């Protein structure tokens, strides 16, 4: 297990659009919570390919979000309760791989 921290200004321009999928999943909470920490891991999930009428496994970025609310409450949101935290967009997967690969080269 490795922990890396990044700020918005450290994201390369070519990777910035891929962040939109991840941000959209967080905004989708639609509740009065402010994310204070986000964990992302690479996973595999099953999706249904409508064009070929079959299920297939694809890589996905799986998010876990720790958030606080104005009353001081703290909660951890997971993909078990929020399926939108499983982001299958290939750009989000490439975004994740970019940041995990660069530290091993």
N, C-alpha and C. Protein backbone atom coordinates (compact mmCIF):
# COMPACT_ATOMS: atom_id res chain seq x y z
N UNK A 1 0.84 -1.18 0.00
CA UNK A 1 0.00 0.00 0.00
C UNK A 1 0.88 1.22 0.00
N UNK A 2 0.50 2.18 -0.83
CA UNK A 2 1.27 3.41 -0.96
C UNK A 2 0.30 4.59 -0.96
N UNK A 3 0.69 5.66 -0.34
CA UNK A 3 -0.13 6.87 -0.32
C UNK A 3 0.59 7.97 -1.08
N UNK A 4 -0.11 8.56 -2.03
CA UNK A 4 0.41 9.71 -2.78
C UNK A 4 -0.61 10.82 -2.66
N UNK A 5 -0.13 12.04 -2.56
CA UNK A 5 -1.02 13.19 -2.47
C UNK A 5 -0.73 14.12 -3.65
N UNK A 6 -1.82 14.63 -4.24
CA UNK A 6 -1.69 15.53 -5.38
C UNK A 6 -2.62 16.72 -5.19
N UNK A 7 -2.20 17.85 -5.66
CA UNK A 7 -3.06 19.03 -5.69
C UNK A 7 -3.43 19.29 -7.14
N UNK A 8 -4.45 20.12 -7.34
CA UNK A 8 -4.93 20.39 -8.70
C UNK A 8 -3.83 20.92 -9.62
N UNK A 9 -2.91 21.72 -9.09
CA UNK A 9 -1.87 22.29 -9.94
C UNK A 9 -0.78 21.28 -10.32
N UNK A 10 -0.81 20.09 -9.74
CA UNK A 10 0.16 19.05 -10.08
C UNK A 10 -0.35 18.10 -11.16
N UNK A 11 -1.61 18.27 -11.56
CA UNK A 11 -2.18 17.40 -12.58
C UNK A 11 -1.79 17.92 -13.95
N UNK A 12 -1.14 17.09 -14.78
CA UNK A 12 -0.76 17.53 -16.12
C UNK A 12 -1.99 17.90 -16.95
N UNK A 13 -1.85 18.87 -17.82
CA UNK A 13 -2.97 19.36 -18.63
C UNK A 13 -3.66 18.25 -19.39
N UNK A 14 -2.91 17.29 -19.92
CA UNK A 14 -3.53 16.21 -20.70
C UNK A 14 -4.32 15.24 -19.83
N UNK A 15 -4.09 15.26 -18.52
CA UNK A 15 -4.82 14.38 -17.62
C UNK A 15 -6.02 15.08 -16.96
N UNK A 16 -6.03 16.40 -16.97
CA UNK A 16 -7.08 17.15 -16.28
C UNK A 16 -8.50 16.79 -16.73
N UNK A 17 -8.78 16.64 -18.04
CA UNK A 17 -10.17 16.29 -18.43
C UNK A 17 -10.63 14.95 -17.85
N UNK A 18 -9.72 14.02 -17.64
CA UNK A 18 -10.11 12.72 -17.09
C UNK A 18 -10.62 12.84 -15.66
N UNK A 19 -10.21 13.88 -14.97
CA UNK A 19 -10.63 14.08 -13.59
C UNK A 19 -12.13 14.35 -13.50
N UNK A 20 -12.74 14.76 -14.60
CA UNK A 20 -14.17 15.10 -14.59
C UNK A 20 -15.04 13.93 -14.16
N UNK A 21 -14.73 12.72 -14.55
CA UNK A 21 -15.53 11.55 -14.15
C UNK A 21 -15.49 11.37 -12.65
N UNK A 22 -14.32 11.54 -12.08
CA UNK A 22 -14.17 11.37 -10.64
C UNK A 22 -14.92 12.47 -9.90
N UNK A 23 -14.76 13.70 -10.35
CA UNK A 23 -15.45 14.83 -9.72
C UNK A 23 -16.96 14.66 -9.84
N UNK A 24 -17.44 14.21 -10.99
CA UNK A 24 -18.88 14.02 -11.18
C UNK A 24 -19.43 13.00 -10.18
N UNK A 25 -18.67 11.96 -9.90
CA UNK A 25 -19.13 10.96 -8.93
C UNK A 25 -19.25 11.58 -7.54
N UNK A 26 -18.31 12.45 -7.18
CA UNK A 26 -18.36 13.10 -5.87
C UNK A 26 -19.51 14.08 -5.78
N UNK A 27 -19.71 14.87 -6.83
CA UNK A 27 -20.79 15.85 -6.85
C UNK A 27 -22.14 15.14 -6.80
N UNK A 28 -22.19 13.94 -7.35
CA UNK A 28 -23.42 13.17 -7.38
C UNK A 28 -23.98 12.84 -6.01
N UNK A 29 -23.22 13.06 -4.96
CA UNK A 29 -23.74 12.81 -3.62
C UNK A 29 -25.00 13.61 -3.36
N UNK A 30 -25.02 14.86 -3.85
CA UNK A 30 -26.20 15.69 -3.69
C UNK A 30 -26.62 15.90 -2.25
N UNK A 31 -25.74 15.70 -1.32
CA UNK A 31 -26.05 15.87 0.09
C UNK A 31 -25.16 16.97 0.64
N UNK A 32 -25.43 17.37 1.86
CA UNK A 32 -24.70 18.48 2.47
C UNK A 32 -23.40 17.98 3.12
N UNK A 33 -22.54 17.38 2.32
CA UNK A 33 -21.27 16.83 2.80
C UNK A 33 -20.12 17.44 2.02
N UNK A 34 -19.03 17.66 2.67
CA UNK A 34 -17.81 18.19 2.06
C UNK A 34 -16.74 17.10 2.14
N UNK A 35 -16.23 16.67 0.99
CA UNK A 35 -15.19 15.64 0.99
C UNK A 35 -13.92 16.19 1.61
N UNK A 36 -13.33 15.44 2.52
CA UNK A 36 -12.06 15.85 3.13
C UNK A 36 -10.93 14.94 2.69
N UNK A 37 -11.27 13.73 2.26
CA UNK A 37 -10.25 12.82 1.76
C UNK A 37 -10.92 11.83 0.83
N UNK A 38 -10.22 11.49 -0.26
CA UNK A 38 -10.74 10.53 -1.22
C UNK A 38 -9.68 9.47 -1.46
N UNK A 39 -10.09 8.22 -1.38
CA UNK A 39 -9.20 7.11 -1.73
C UNK A 39 -9.67 6.55 -3.05
N UNK A 40 -8.74 6.26 -3.92
CA UNK A 40 -9.07 5.67 -5.22
C UNK A 40 -8.24 4.41 -5.38
N UNK A 41 -8.88 3.36 -5.88
CA UNK A 41 -8.15 2.14 -6.16
C UNK A 41 -8.63 1.60 -7.50
N UNK A 42 -7.77 0.86 -8.14
CA UNK A 42 -8.12 0.26 -9.41
C UNK A 42 -8.81 -1.06 -9.14
N UNK A 43 -9.95 -1.27 -9.77
CA UNK A 43 -10.69 -2.51 -9.59
C UNK A 43 -11.19 -3.02 -10.91
N UNK A 44 -11.92 -4.10 -10.86
CA UNK A 44 -12.54 -4.68 -12.05
C UNK A 44 -14.01 -4.85 -11.74
N UNK A 45 -14.86 -4.47 -12.67
CA UNK A 45 -16.30 -4.60 -12.48
C UNK A 45 -16.92 -5.17 -13.75
N UNK A 46 -18.11 -5.70 -13.62
CA UNK A 46 -18.80 -6.25 -14.78
C UNK A 46 -19.78 -5.21 -15.32
N UNK A 47 -19.77 -5.03 -16.62
CA UNK A 47 -20.73 -4.15 -17.28
C UNK A 47 -21.43 -4.94 -18.37
N UNK A 48 -22.52 -4.38 -18.86
CA UNK A 48 -23.25 -5.04 -19.93
C UNK A 48 -23.03 -4.28 -21.22
N UNK A 49 -22.51 -4.96 -22.23
CA UNK A 49 -22.27 -4.40 -23.55
C UNK A 49 -23.55 -4.56 -24.36
N UNK A 50 -24.33 -3.49 -24.48
CA UNK A 50 -25.62 -3.55 -25.16
C UNK A 50 -25.45 -3.91 -26.63
N UNK A 51 -24.46 -3.32 -27.29
CA UNK A 51 -24.27 -3.55 -28.73
C UNK A 51 -24.03 -5.03 -29.04
N UNK A 52 -23.29 -5.70 -28.18
CA UNK A 52 -22.97 -7.12 -28.42
C UNK A 52 -23.79 -8.07 -27.54
N UNK A 53 -24.70 -7.52 -26.76
CA UNK A 53 -25.59 -8.29 -25.89
C UNK A 53 -24.83 -9.30 -25.02
N UNK A 54 -23.83 -8.79 -24.31
CA UNK A 54 -23.07 -9.67 -23.42
C UNK A 54 -22.47 -8.85 -22.29
N UNK A 55 -22.18 -9.54 -21.21
CA UNK A 55 -21.50 -8.90 -20.08
C UNK A 55 -20.01 -8.99 -20.30
N UNK A 56 -19.29 -8.01 -19.78
CA UNK A 56 -17.84 -8.04 -19.88
C UNK A 56 -17.24 -7.39 -18.65
N UNK A 57 -16.03 -7.81 -18.33
CA UNK A 57 -15.30 -7.21 -17.22
C UNK A 57 -14.49 -6.04 -17.74
N UNK A 58 -14.49 -4.94 -17.00
CA UNK A 58 -13.70 -3.76 -17.37
C UNK A 58 -13.00 -3.22 -16.12
N UNK A 59 -11.90 -2.51 -16.35
CA UNK A 59 -11.23 -1.84 -15.24
C UNK A 59 -12.09 -0.66 -14.80
N UNK A 60 -11.99 -0.32 -13.53
CA UNK A 60 -12.75 0.80 -12.99
C UNK A 60 -11.95 1.44 -11.87
N UNK A 61 -12.17 2.74 -11.66
CA UNK A 61 -11.62 3.43 -10.51
C UNK A 61 -12.71 3.39 -9.45
N UNK A 62 -12.39 2.81 -8.30
CA UNK A 62 -13.35 2.67 -7.21
C UNK A 62 -12.99 3.69 -6.12
N UNK A 63 -13.95 4.54 -5.79
CA UNK A 63 -13.72 5.62 -4.84
C UNK A 63 -14.29 5.32 -3.47
N UNK A 64 -13.60 5.77 -2.45
CA UNK A 64 -14.10 5.81 -1.08
C UNK A 64 -13.87 7.24 -0.62
N UNK A 65 -14.91 7.86 -0.08
CA UNK A 65 -14.85 9.28 0.27
C UNK A 65 -15.14 9.47 1.75
N UNK A 66 -14.23 10.16 2.44
CA UNK A 66 -14.49 10.59 3.81
C UNK A 66 -14.97 12.03 3.73
N UNK A 67 -16.11 12.31 4.37
CA UNK A 67 -16.70 13.64 4.27
C UNK A 67 -17.20 14.11 5.64
N UNK A 68 -17.34 15.43 5.75
CA UNK A 68 -17.89 16.05 6.96
C UNK A 68 -19.08 16.91 6.56
N UNK A 69 -19.97 17.15 7.52
CA UNK A 69 -21.10 18.04 7.25
C UNK A 69 -21.00 19.26 8.17
N UNK A 70 -21.83 20.27 7.95
CA UNK A 70 -21.73 21.50 8.75
C UNK A 70 -21.96 21.29 10.24
N UNK A 71 -22.65 20.23 10.63
CA UNK A 71 -22.90 19.97 12.05
C UNK A 71 -21.72 19.26 12.71
N UNK A 72 -20.66 18.98 11.94
CA UNK A 72 -19.49 18.31 12.49
C UNK A 72 -19.51 16.81 12.36
N UNK A 73 -20.53 16.29 11.70
CA UNK A 73 -20.60 14.85 11.47
C UNK A 73 -19.53 14.40 10.48
N UNK A 74 -19.10 13.18 10.61
CA UNK A 74 -18.09 12.61 9.72
C UNK A 74 -18.62 11.27 9.24
N UNK A 75 -18.44 10.99 7.93
CA UNK A 75 -18.97 9.77 7.35
C UNK A 75 -18.06 9.30 6.23
N UNK A 76 -18.03 7.99 6.04
CA UNK A 76 -17.29 7.41 4.92
C UNK A 76 -18.31 6.86 3.92
N UNK A 77 -18.22 7.33 2.68
CA UNK A 77 -19.09 6.90 1.60
C UNK A 77 -18.32 5.89 0.75
N UNK A 78 -18.95 4.75 0.44
CA UNK A 78 -18.29 3.72 -0.35
C UNK A 78 -19.12 3.37 -1.58
N UNK A 79 -18.52 2.61 -2.46
CA UNK A 79 -19.22 2.19 -3.67
C UNK A 79 -20.33 1.19 -3.37
N UNK A 80 -20.31 0.59 -2.20
CA UNK A 80 -21.39 -0.33 -1.83
C UNK A 80 -22.72 0.42 -1.76
N UNK A 81 -22.70 1.62 -1.19
CA UNK A 81 -23.92 2.42 -1.08
C UNK A 81 -24.10 3.39 -2.24
N UNK A 82 -23.02 3.72 -2.90
CA UNK A 82 -23.05 4.70 -3.99
C UNK A 82 -22.38 4.10 -5.22
N UNK A 83 -23.14 3.37 -6.04
CA UNK A 83 -22.55 2.71 -7.22
C UNK A 83 -21.87 3.69 -8.19
N UNK A 84 -22.27 4.97 -8.13
CA UNK A 84 -21.61 5.96 -9.01
C UNK A 84 -20.15 6.17 -8.62
N UNK A 85 -19.73 5.62 -7.49
CA UNK A 85 -18.32 5.69 -7.09
C UNK A 85 -17.48 4.62 -7.77
N UNK A 86 -18.09 3.84 -8.64
CA UNK A 86 -17.35 2.90 -9.49
C UNK A 86 -17.33 3.55 -10.88
N UNK A 87 -16.21 4.16 -11.22
CA UNK A 87 -16.08 4.95 -12.44
C UNK A 87 -15.40 4.10 -13.52
N UNK A 88 -16.18 3.74 -14.54
CA UNK A 88 -15.66 2.87 -15.60
C UNK A 88 -15.17 3.64 -16.82
N UNK A 89 -15.32 4.94 -16.83
CA UNK A 89 -14.86 5.75 -17.95
C UNK A 89 -13.37 5.46 -18.20
N UNK A 90 -13.01 5.05 -19.42
CA UNK A 90 -11.60 4.74 -19.71
C UNK A 90 -10.65 5.90 -19.40
N UNK A 91 -11.12 7.13 -19.54
CA UNK A 91 -10.26 8.28 -19.24
C UNK A 91 -9.93 8.33 -17.75
N UNK A 92 -10.89 7.98 -16.90
CA UNK A 92 -10.64 7.97 -15.45
C UNK A 92 -9.66 6.85 -15.09
N UNK A 93 -9.79 5.71 -15.75
CA UNK A 93 -8.87 4.59 -15.50
C UNK A 93 -7.46 4.99 -15.95
N UNK A 94 -7.34 5.63 -17.11
CA UNK A 94 -6.03 6.09 -17.58
C UNK A 94 -5.44 7.13 -16.62
N UNK A 95 -6.30 8.00 -16.11
CA UNK A 95 -5.89 9.02 -15.14
C UNK A 95 -5.28 8.34 -13.91
N UNK A 96 -5.98 7.33 -13.39
CA UNK A 96 -5.49 6.60 -12.22
C UNK A 96 -4.16 5.91 -12.53
N UNK A 97 -4.09 5.24 -13.65
CA UNK A 97 -2.86 4.53 -14.03
C UNK A 97 -1.69 5.49 -14.21
N UNK A 98 -1.96 6.67 -14.75
CA UNK A 98 -0.90 7.65 -14.95
C UNK A 98 -0.22 7.98 -13.63
N UNK A 99 -1.01 8.25 -12.60
CA UNK A 99 -0.44 8.65 -11.32
C UNK A 99 0.18 7.50 -10.55
N UNK A 100 -0.31 6.30 -10.72
CA UNK A 100 0.29 5.18 -9.99
C UNK A 100 1.52 4.65 -10.70
N UNK A 101 1.58 4.80 -12.01
CA UNK A 101 2.72 4.30 -12.78
C UNK A 101 3.92 5.23 -12.66
N UNK A 102 3.71 6.53 -12.64
CA UNK A 102 4.82 7.49 -12.70
C UNK A 102 5.78 7.36 -11.53
N UNK A 103 5.30 6.90 -10.39
CA UNK A 103 6.16 6.80 -9.22
C UNK A 103 6.99 5.53 -9.20
N UNK A 104 6.77 4.64 -10.14
CA UNK A 104 7.52 3.38 -10.17
C UNK A 104 8.56 3.38 -11.29
N UNK A 105 8.62 4.42 -12.07
CA UNK A 105 9.57 4.46 -13.20
C UNK A 105 10.87 5.10 -12.78
